[in-house]
Amino acid sequence: MVQAKSLRVCERGHEYYKSSDCRSCPICDKENKPKSGFLSKLSSPARNALNHEGIDSLQKLSKYTEREILKLHGVGPASLPTLRASLEEKGLSFKE
């Protein structure tokens, strides 16, 4: 069953339509996307999930296992190659 899209308004007054229960505003997400760094390479849901957990640096990311990261709502398997590559560029890796 596909849920119908409903009109929503975020805290900053942006109007947008969404069919999921996700509360993130796509307009705010686009405005808040970093210009550089590993977070700039990720989708908004993955970026929001990491930010929500306080993972804003590769050093912090390296303290987690891949499995722990995949458990975060918004992070899927497609994000892992990007995260792995970003870690490897700095000589880091996911926790074993």
PDB file of N, CA and C in Angstrom:
ATOM      1  N   MET A   1       0.835  -1.177   0.000  1.00  0.00           N
ATOM      2  CA  MET A   1       0.000   0.000   0.000  1.00  0.00           C
ATOM      3  C   MET A   1       0.884   1.247   0.000  1.00  0.00           C
ATOM      4  N   VAL A   2       0.714   2.100  -0.957  1.00  0.00           N
ATOM      5  CA  VAL A   2       1.490   3.324  -1.065  1.00  0.00           C
ATOM      6  C   VAL A   2       0.758   4.453  -0.338  1.00  0.00           C
ATOM      7  N   GLN A   3       1.487   5.113   0.534  1.00  0.00           N
ATOM      8  CA  GLN A   3       0.911   6.218   1.300  1.00  0.00           C
ATOM      9  C   GLN A   3       0.900   7.470   0.415  1.00  0.00           C
ATOM     10  N   ALA A   4      -0.181   8.214   0.443  1.00  0.00           N
ATOM     11  CA  ALA A   4      -0.294   9.437  -0.352  1.00  0.00           C
ATOM     12  C   ALA A   4       0.635  10.507   0.202  1.00  0.00           C
ATOM     13  N   LYS A   5       1.142  11.352  -0.672  1.00  0.00           N
ATOM     14  CA  LYS A   5       2.001  12.445  -0.240  1.00  0.00           C
ATOM     15  C   LYS A   5       1.149  13.530   0.406  1.00  0.00           C
ATOM     16  N   SER A   6       1.662  14.048   1.494  1.00  0.00           N
ATOM     17  CA  SER A   6       0.935  15.111   2.178  1.00  0.00           C
ATOM     18  C   SER A   6       1.804  16.361   2.254  1.00  0.00           C
ATOM     19  N   LEU A   7       1.154  17.496   2.237  1.00  0.00           N
ATOM     20  CA  LEU A   7       1.848  18.770   2.337  1.00  0.00           C
ATOM     21  C   LEU A   7       2.324  18.970   3.767  1.00  0.00           C
ATOM     22  N   ARG A   8       3.581  19.357   3.905  1.00  0.00           N
ATOM     23  CA  ARG A   8       4.142  19.627   5.226  1.00  0.00           C
ATOM     24  C   ARG A   8       4.861  20.964   5.202  1.00  0.00           C
ATOM     25  N   VAL A   9       5.053  21.509   6.377  1.00  0.00           N
ATOM     26  CA  VAL A   9       5.788  22.763   6.522  1.00  0.00           C
ATOM     27  C   VAL A   9       6.813  22.549   7.630  1.00  0.00           C
ATOM     28  N   CYS A  10       8.084  22.826   7.322  1.00  0.00           N
ATOM     29  CA  CYS A  10       9.131  22.638   8.333  1.00  0.00           C
ATOM     30  C   CYS A  10       9.184  23.846   9.268  1.00  0.00           C
ATOM     31  N   GLU A  11      10.032  23.764  10.280  1.00  0.00           N
ATOM     32  CA  GLU A  11      10.175  24.828  11.272  1.00  0.00           C
ATOM     33  C   GLU A  11      10.616  26.144  10.651  1.00  0.00           C
ATOM     34  N   ARG A  12      11.290  26.069   9.502  1.00  0.00           N
ATOM     35  CA  ARG A  12      11.781  27.280   8.842  1.00  0.00           C
ATOM     36  C   ARG A  12      10.791  27.816   7.808  1.00  0.00           C
ATOM     37  N   GLY A  13       9.623  27.158   7.696  1.00  0.00           N
ATOM     38  CA  GLY A  13       8.572  27.645   6.815  1.00  0.00           C
ATOM     39  C   GLY A  13       8.573  27.091   5.406  1.00  0.00           C
ATOM     40  N   HIS A  14       9.470  26.138   5.102  1.00  0.00           N
ATOM     41  CA  HIS A  14       9.491  25.531   3.772  1.00  0.00           C
ATOM     42  C   HIS A  14       8.304  24.580   3.613  1.00  0.00           C
ATOM     43  N   GLU A  15       7.633  24.660   2.486  1.00  0.00           N
ATOM     44  CA  GLU A  15       6.544  23.731   2.186  1.00  0.00           C
ATOM     45  C   GLU A  15       7.073  22.635   1.262  1.00  0.00           C
ATOM     46  N   TYR A  16       6.721  21.388   1.568  1.00  0.00           N
ATOM     47  CA  TYR A  16       7.157  20.248   0.761  1.00  0.00           C
ATOM     48  C   TYR A  16       6.168  19.105   0.936  1.00  0.00           C
ATOM     49  N   TYR A  17       6.218  18.157   0.005  1.00  0.00           N
ATOM     50  CA  TYR A  17       5.346  16.988   0.061  1.00  0.00           C
ATOM     51  C   TYR A  17       6.175  15.751   0.364  1.00  0.00           C
ATOM     52  N   LYS A  18       5.640  14.891   1.235  1.00  0.00           N
ATOM     53  CA  LYS A  18       6.294  13.622   1.566  1.00  0.00           C
ATOM     54  C   LYS A  18       5.248  12.563   1.836  1.00  0.00           C
ATOM     55  N   SER A  19       5.596  11.328   1.488  1.00  0.00           N
ATOM     56  CA  SER A  19       4.682  10.223   1.754  1.00  0.00           C
ATOM     57  C   SER A  19       5.132   9.396   2.952  1.00  0.00           C
ATOM     58  N   SER A  20       6.388   9.539   3.377  1.00  0.00           N
ATOM     59  CA  SER A  20       6.886   8.756   4.507  1.00  0.00           C
ATOM     60  C   SER A  20       6.710   9.530   5.812  1.00  0.00           C
ATOM     61  N   ASP A  21       7.020   8.877   6.917  1.00  0.00           N
ATOM     62  CA  ASP A  21       6.949   9.518   8.234  1.00  0.00           C
ATOM     63  C   ASP A  21       8.193  10.344   8.537  1.00  0.00           C
ATOM     64  N   CYS A  22       9.174  10.296   7.657  1.00  0.00           N
ATOM     65  CA  CYS A  22      10.423  11.031   7.849  1.00  0.00           C
ATOM     66  C   CYS A  22      10.121  12.520   7.954  1.00  0.00           C
ATOM     67  N   ARG A  23      10.680  13.165   8.964  1.00  0.00           N
ATOM     68  CA  ARG A  23      10.381  14.575   9.207  1.00  0.00           C
ATOM     69  C   ARG A  23      11.387  15.531   8.588  1.00  0.00           C
ATOM     70  N   SER A  24      12.419  15.006   7.942  1.00  0.00           N
ATOM     71  CA  SER A  24      13.430  15.919   7.402  1.00  0.00           C
ATOM     72  C   SER A  24      12.883  16.679   6.200  1.00  0.00           C
ATOM     73  N   CYS A  25      13.175  17.950   6.177  1.00  0.00           N
ATOM     74  CA  CYS A  25      12.742  18.833   5.097  1.00  0.00           C
ATOM     75  C   CYS A  25      13.776  18.757   3.974  1.00  0.00           C
ATOM     76  N   PRO A  26      13.367  18.387   2.757  1.00  0.00           N
ATOM     77  CA  PRO A  26      14.342  18.275   1.667  1.00  0.00           C
ATOM     78  C   PRO A  26      14.984  19.612   1.304  1.00  0.00           C
ATOM     79  N   ILE A  27      14.294  20.699   1.521  1.00  0.00           N
ATOM     80  CA  ILE A  27      14.856  22.018   1.220  1.00  0.00           C
ATOM     81  C   ILE A  27      15.944  22.364   2.235  1.00  0.00           C
ATOM     82  N   CYS A  28      15.666  22.126   3.502  1.00  0.00           N
ATOM     83  CA  CYS A  28      16.670  22.359   4.544  1.00  0.00           C
ATOM     84  C   CYS A  28      17.867  21.431   4.346  1.00  0.00           C
ATOM     85  N   ASP A  29      17.593  20.174   3.999  1.00  0.00           N
ATOM     86  CA  ASP A  29      18.675  19.212   3.767  1.00  0.00           C
ATOM     87  C   ASP A  29      19.613  19.707   2.672  1.00  0.00           C
ATOM     88  N   LYS A  30      19.051  20.227   1.599  1.00  0.00           N
ATOM     89  CA  LYS A  30      19.858  20.732   0.490  1.00  0.00           C
ATOM     90  C   LYS A  30      20.669  21.956   0.923  1.00  0.00           C
ATOM     91  N   GLU A  31      20.055  22.836   1.687  1.00  0.00           N
ATOM     92  CA  GLU A  31      20.741  24.040   2.157  1.00  0.00           C
ATOM     93  C   GLU A  31      21.861  23.715   3.146  1.00  0.00           C
ATOM     94  N   ASN A  32      21.680  22.640   3.929  1.00  0.00           N
ATOM     95  CA  ASN A  32      22.643  22.282   4.976  1.00  0.00           C
ATOM     96  C   ASN A  32      23.714  21.301   4.511  1.00  0.00           C
ATOM     97  N   LYS A  33      23.665  20.877   3.250  1.00  0.00           N
ATOM     98  CA  LYS A  33      24.639  19.905   2.757  1.00  0.00           C
ATOM     99  C   LYS A  33      26.034  20.520   2.771  1.00  0.00           C
ATOM    100  N   PRO A  34      26.999  19.832   3.399  1.00  0.00           N
ATOM    101  CA  PRO A  34      28.364  20.352   3.423  1.00  0.00           C
ATOM    102  C   PRO A  34      28.944  20.439   2.011  1.00  0.00           C
ATOM    103  N   LYS A  35      29.825  21.392   1.795  1.00  0.00           N
ATOM    104  CA  LYS A  35      30.461  21.575   0.482  1.00  0.00           C
ATOM    105  C   LYS A  35      31.633  20.608   0.288  1.00  0.00           C
ATOM    106  N   SER A  36      32.214  20.125   1.392  1.00  0.00           N
ATOM    107  CA  SER A  36      33.350  19.219   1.300  1.00  0.00           C
ATOM    108  C   SER A  36      33.322  18.248   2.475  1.00  0.00           C
ATOM    109  N   GLY A  37      34.237  17.298   2.453  1.00  0.00           N
ATOM    110  CA  GLY A  37      34.328  16.306   3.512  1.00  0.00           C
ATOM    111  C   GLY A  37      33.478  15.082   3.203  1.00  0.00           C
ATOM    112  N   PHE A  38      33.641  14.059   4.022  1.00  0.00           N
ATOM    113  CA  PHE A  38      32.967  12.791   3.750  1.00  0.00           C
ATOM    114  C   PHE A  38      31.452  12.903   3.815  1.00  0.00           C
ATOM    115  N   LEU A  39      30.921  13.779   4.649  1.00  0.00           N
ATOM    116  CA  LEU A  39      29.471  13.912   4.752  1.00  0.00           C
ATOM    117  C   LEU A  39      28.865  14.492   3.475  1.00  0.00           C
ATOM    118  N   SER A  40      29.637  15.255   2.724  1.00  0.00           N
ATOM    119  CA  SER A  40      29.133  15.854   1.477  1.00  0.00           C
ATOM    120  C   SER A  40      28.905  14.797   0.396  1.00  0.00           C
ATOM    121  N   LYS A  41      29.502  13.628   0.567  1.00  0.00           N
ATOM    122  CA  LYS A  41      29.395  12.558  -0.428  1.00  0.00           C
ATOM    123  C   LYS A  41      28.199  11.641  -0.193  1.00  0.00           C
ATOM    124  N   LEU A  42      27.494  11.842   0.915  1.00  0.00           N
ATOM    125  CA  LEU A  42      26.399  10.948   1.305  1.00  0.00           C
ATOM    126  C   LEU A  42      25.032  11.538   0.972  1.00  0.00           C
ATOM    127  N   SER A  43      24.038  10.658   0.913  1.00  0.00           N
ATOM    128  CA  SER A  43      22.656  11.095   0.738  1.00  0.00           C
ATOM    129  C   SER A  43      22.200  11.822   2.013  1.00  0.00           C
ATOM    130  N   SER A  44      21.161  12.601   1.881  1.00  0.00           N
ATOM    131  CA  SER A  44      20.636  13.327   3.047  1.00  0.00           C
ATOM    132  C   SER A  44      20.251  12.398   4.193  1.00  0.00           C
ATOM    133  N   PRO A  45      19.530  11.272   3.933  1.00  0.00           N
ATOM    134  CA  PRO A  45      19.168  10.399   5.057  1.00  0.00           C
ATOM    135  C   PRO A  45      20.392   9.842   5.794  1.00  0.00           C
ATOM    136  N   ALA A  46      21.412   9.442   5.040  1.00  0.00           N
ATOM    137  CA  ALA A  46      22.621   8.899   5.679  1.00  0.00           C
ATOM    138  C   ALA A  46      23.347   9.997   6.460  1.00  0.00           C
ATOM    139  N   ARG A  47      23.465  11.156   5.852  1.00  0.00           N
ATOM    140  CA  ARG A  47      24.132  12.286   6.511  1.00  0.00           C
ATOM    141  C   ARG A  47      23.392  12.667   7.792  1.00  0.00           C
ATOM    142  N   ASN A  48      22.067  12.732   7.723  1.00  0.00           N
ATOM    143  CA  ASN A  48      21.269  13.073   8.907  1.00  0.00           C
ATOM    144  C   ASN A  48      21.422  12.032  10.005  1.00  0.00           C
ATOM    145  N   ALA A  49      21.470  10.751   9.623  1.00  0.00           N
ATOM    146  CA  ALA A  49      21.612   9.680  10.610  1.00  0.00           C
ATOM    147  C   ALA A  49      22.943   9.794  11.345  1.00  0.00           C
ATOM    148  N   LEU A  50      24.019  10.038  10.594  1.00  0.00           N
ATOM    149  CA  LEU A  50      25.333  10.175  11.228  1.00  0.00           C
ATOM    150  C   LEU A  50      25.379  11.418  12.110  1.00  0.00           C
ATOM    151  N   ASN A  51      24.866  12.524  11.620  1.00  0.00           N
ATOM    152  CA  ASN A  51      24.839  13.750  12.430  1.00  0.00           C
ATOM    153  C   ASN A  51      24.045  13.553  13.712  1.00  0.00           C
ATOM    154  N   HIS A  52      22.924  12.859  13.616  1.00  0.00           N
ATOM    155  CA  HIS A  52      22.083  12.602  14.791  1.00  0.00           C
ATOM    156  C   HIS A  52      22.847  11.823  15.859  1.00  0.00           C
ATOM    157  N   GLU A  53      23.741  10.942  15.418  1.00  0.00           N
ATOM    158  CA  GLU A  53      24.548  10.146  16.352  1.00  0.00           C
ATOM    159  C   GLU A  53      25.814  10.884  16.793  1.00  0.00           C
ATOM    160  N   GLY A  54      26.035  12.086  16.268  1.00  0.00           N
ATOM    161  CA  GLY A  54      27.225  12.841  16.631  1.00  0.00           C
ATOM    162  C   GLY A  54      28.467  12.416  15.865  1.00  0.00           C
ATOM    163  N   ILE A  55      28.280  11.699  14.774  1.00  0.00           N
ATOM    164  CA  ILE A  55      29.408  11.228  13.960  1.00  0.00           C
ATOM    165  C   ILE A  55      29.652  12.268  12.873  1.00  0.00           C
ATOM    166  N   ASP A  56      30.532  13.216  13.184  1.00  0.00           N
ATOM    167  CA  ASP A  56      30.792  14.306  12.258  1.00  0.00           C
ATOM    168  C   ASP A  56      32.244  14.354  11.787  1.00  0.00           C
ATOM    169  N   SER A  57      32.994  13.314  12.126  1.00  0.00           N
ATOM    170  CA  SER A  57      34.385  13.232  11.667  1.00  0.00           C
ATOM    171  C   SER A  57      34.713  11.776  11.350  1.00  0.00           C
ATOM    172  N   LEU A  58      35.728  11.590  10.536  1.00  0.00           N
ATOM    173  CA  LEU A  58      36.155  10.227  10.198  1.00  0.00           C
ATOM    174  C   LEU A  58      36.732   9.520  11.419  1.00  0.00           C
ATOM    175  N   GLN A  59      37.357  10.272  12.310  1.00  0.00           N
ATOM    176  CA  GLN A  59      37.882   9.673  13.539  1.00  0.00           C
ATOM    177  C   GLN A  59      36.742   9.075  14.365  1.00  0.00           C
ATOM    178  N   LYS A  60      35.639   9.789  14.466  1.00  0.00           N
ATOM    179  CA  LYS A  60      34.480   9.267  15.205  1.00  0.00           C
ATOM    180  C   LYS A  60      33.872   8.077  14.470  1.00  0.00           C
ATOM    181  N   LEU A  61      33.785   8.159  13.139  1.00  0.00           N
ATOM    182  CA  LEU A  61      33.230   7.064  12.345  1.00  0.00           C
ATOM    183  C   LEU A  61      34.048   5.791  12.537  1.00  0.00           C
ATOM    184  N   SER A  62      35.370   5.918  12.665  1.00  0.00           N
ATOM    185  CA  SER A  62      36.249   4.746  12.790  1.00  0.00           C
ATOM    186  C   SER A  62      36.058   3.996  14.111  1.00  0.00           C
ATOM    187  N   LYS A  63      35.324   4.570  15.027  1.00  0.00           N
ATOM    188  CA  LYS A  63      35.057   3.909  16.315  1.00  0.00           C
ATOM    189  C   LYS A  63      33.847   2.973  16.245  1.00  0.00           C
ATOM    190  N   TYR A  64      33.213   2.892  15.078  1.00  0.00           N
ATOM    191  CA  TYR A  64      32.029   2.061  14.878  1.00  0.00           C
ATOM    192  C   TYR A  64      32.330   0.926  13.903  1.00  0.00           C
ATOM    193  N   THR A  65      31.606  -0.176  14.060  1.00  0.00           N
ATOM    194  CA  THR A  65      31.685  -1.255  13.075  1.00  0.00           C
ATOM    195  C   THR A  65      30.730  -0.932  11.931  1.00  0.00           C
ATOM    196  N   GLU A  66      30.942  -1.585  10.795  1.00  0.00           N
ATOM    197  CA  GLU A  66      30.025  -1.396   9.671  1.00  0.00           C
ATOM    198  C   GLU A  66      28.610  -1.795  10.079  1.00  0.00           C
ATOM    199  N   ARG A  67      28.498  -2.851  10.836  1.00  0.00           N
ATOM    200  CA  ARG A  67      27.183  -3.330  11.272  1.00  0.00           C
ATOM    201  C   ARG A  67      26.466  -2.283  12.119  1.00  0.00           C
ATOM    202  N   GLU A  68      27.205  -1.636  13.016  1.00  0.00           N
ATOM    203  CA  GLU A  68      26.602  -0.589  13.862  1.00  0.00           C
ATOM    204  C   GLU A  68      26.112   0.583  13.012  1.00  0.00           C
ATOM    205  N   ILE A  69      26.896   0.953  12.006  1.00  0.00           N
ATOM    206  CA  ILE A  69      26.512   2.063  11.132  1.00  0.00           C
ATOM    207  C   ILE A  69      25.272   1.693  10.325  1.00  0.00           C
ATOM    208  N   LEU A  70      25.210   0.459   9.845  1.00  0.00           N
ATOM    209  CA  LEU A  70      24.055   0.024   9.050  1.00  0.00           C
ATOM    210  C   LEU A  70      22.763  -0.029   9.865  1.00  0.00           C
ATOM    211  N   LYS A  71      22.878  -0.117  11.172  1.00  0.00           N
ATOM    212  CA  LYS A  71      21.685  -0.144  12.029  1.00  0.00           C
ATOM    213  C   LYS A  71      21.043   1.231  12.172  1.00  0.00           C
ATOM    214  N   LEU A  72      21.766   2.275  11.791  1.00  0.00           N
ATOM    215  CA  LEU A  72      21.223   3.627  11.906  1.00  0.00           C
ATOM    216  C   LEU A  72      20.165   3.844  10.836  1.00  0.00           C
ATOM    217  N   HIS A  73      19.031   4.367  11.235  1.00  0.00           N
ATOM    218  CA  HIS A  73      17.950   4.642  10.288  1.00  0.00           C
ATOM    219  C   HIS A  73      18.405   5.718   9.311  1.00  0.00           C
ATOM    220  N   GLY A  74      18.431   5.375   8.038  1.00  0.00           N
ATOM    221  CA  GLY A  74      18.864   6.318   7.006  1.00  0.00           C
ATOM    222  C   GLY A  74      20.150   5.897   6.321  1.00  0.00           C
ATOM    223  N   VAL A  75      20.890   4.978   6.947  1.00  0.00           N
ATOM    224  CA  VAL A  75      22.138   4.495   6.350  1.00  0.00           C
ATOM    225  C   VAL A  75      21.888   3.113   5.771  1.00  0.00           C
ATOM    226  N   GLY A  76      22.155   2.969   4.485  1.00  0.00           N
ATOM    227  CA  GLY A  76      21.979   1.680   3.826  1.00  0.00           C
ATOM    228  C   GLY A  76      23.289   1.175   3.263  1.00  0.00           C
ATOM    229  N   PRO A  77      23.266  -0.025   2.685  1.00  0.00           N
ATOM    230  CA  PRO A  77      24.478  -0.636   2.134  1.00  0.00           C
ATOM    231  C   PRO A  77      25.159   0.211   1.058  1.00  0.00           C
ATOM    232  N   ALA A  78      24.407   1.028   0.352  1.00  0.00           N
ATOM    233  CA  ALA A  78      24.991   1.871  -0.707  1.00  0.00           C
ATOM    234  C   ALA A  78      25.935   2.930  -0.133  1.00  0.00           C
ATOM    235  N   SER A  79      25.786   3.267   1.129  1.00  0.00           N
ATOM    236  CA  SER A  79      26.649   4.274   1.753  1.00  0.00           C
ATOM    237  C   SER A  79      28.007   3.705   2.158  1.00  0.00           C
ATOM    238  N   LEU A  80      28.087   2.399   2.357  1.00  0.00           N
ATOM    239  CA  LEU A  80      29.324   1.814   2.883  1.00  0.00           C
ATOM    240  C   LEU A  80      30.548   2.005   1.993  1.00  0.00           C
ATOM    241  N   PRO A  81      30.457   1.798   0.682  1.00  0.00           N
ATOM    242  CA  PRO A  81      31.671   2.018  -0.127  1.00  0.00           C
ATOM    243  C   PRO A  81      32.210   3.449  -0.019  1.00  0.00           C
ATOM    244  N   THR A  82      31.322   4.418   0.021  1.00  0.00           N
ATOM    245  CA  THR A  82      31.733   5.820   0.166  1.00  0.00           C
ATOM    246  C   THR A  82      32.399   6.042   1.513  1.00  0.00           C
ATOM    247  N   LEU A  83      31.808   5.487   2.565  1.00  0.00           N
ATOM    248  CA  LEU A  83      32.376   5.644   3.903  1.00  0.00           C
ATOM    249  C   LEU A  83      33.721   4.934   4.014  1.00  0.00           C
ATOM    250  N   ARG A  84      33.816   3.715   3.487  1.00  0.00           N
ATOM    251  CA  ARG A  84      35.086   2.972   3.512  1.00  0.00           C
ATOM    252  C   ARG A  84      36.185   3.749   2.797  1.00  0.00           C
ATOM    253  N   ALA A  85      35.867   4.258   1.599  1.00  0.00           N
ATOM    254  CA  ALA A  85      36.862   4.996   0.813  1.00  0.00           C
ATOM    255  C   ALA A  85      37.318   6.255   1.551  1.00  0.00           C
ATOM    256  N   SER A  86      36.394   6.942   2.168  1.00  0.00           N
ATOM    257  CA  SER A  86      36.743   8.154   2.914  1.00  0.00           C
ATOM    258  C   SER A  86      37.658   7.820   4.088  1.00  0.00           C
ATOM    259  N   LEU A  87      37.346   6.732   4.790  1.00  0.00           N
ATOM    260  CA  LEU A  87      38.194   6.301   5.900  1.00  0.00           C
ATOM    261  C   LEU A  87      39.588   5.923   5.397  1.00  0.00           C
ATOM    262  N   GLU A  88      39.654   5.150   4.316  1.00  0.00           N
ATOM    263  CA  GLU A  88      40.931   4.682   3.781  1.00  0.00           C
ATOM    264  C   GLU A  88      41.819   5.846   3.335  1.00  0.00           C
ATOM    265  N   GLU A  89      41.205   6.910   2.797  1.00  0.00           N
ATOM    266  CA  GLU A  89      41.980   8.082   2.368  1.00  0.00           C
ATOM    267  C   GLU A  89      42.753   8.708   3.530  1.00  0.00           C
ATOM    268  N   LYS A  90      42.237   8.541   4.734  1.00  0.00           N
ATOM    269  CA  LYS A  90      42.884   9.100   5.934  1.00  0.00           C
ATOM    270  C   LYS A  90      43.628   8.043   6.742  1.00  0.00           C
ATOM    271  N   GLY A  91      43.781   6.839   6.162  1.00  0.00           N
ATOM    272  CA  GLY A  91      44.495   5.766   6.858  1.00  0.00           C
ATOM    273  C   GLY A  91      43.684   5.158   7.988  1.00  0.00           C
ATOM    274  N   LEU A  92      42.370   5.275   7.917  1.00  0.00           N
ATOM    275  CA  LEU A  92      41.478   4.746   8.957  1.00  0.00           C
ATOM    276  C   LEU A  92      40.618   3.620   8.395  1.00  0.00           C
ATOM    277  N   SER A  93      39.914   2.934   9.284  1.00  0.00           N
ATOM    278  CA  SER A  93      38.963   1.904   8.862  1.00  0.00           C
ATOM    279  C   SER A  93      37.883   1.770   9.925  1.00  0.00           C
ATOM    280  N   PHE A  94      36.840   1.031   9.573  1.00  0.00           N
ATOM    281  CA  PHE A  94      35.802   0.736  10.559  1.00  0.00           C
ATOM    282  C   PHE A  94      36.395  -0.145  11.650  1.00  0.00           C
ATOM    283  N   LYS A  95      35.831  -0.057  12.831  1.00  0.00           N
ATOM    284  CA  LYS A  95      36.223  -0.920  13.957  1.00  0.00           C
ATOM    285  C   LYS A  95      35.902  -2.363  13.580  1.00  0.00           C
ATOM    286  N   GLU A  96      36.746  -3.264  13.969  1.00  0.00           N
ATOM    287  CA  GLU A  96      36.515  -4.698  13.659  1.00  0.00           C
ATOM    288  C   GLU A  96      35.479  -5.285  14.578  1.00  0.00           C
TER     289      GLU A  96
END
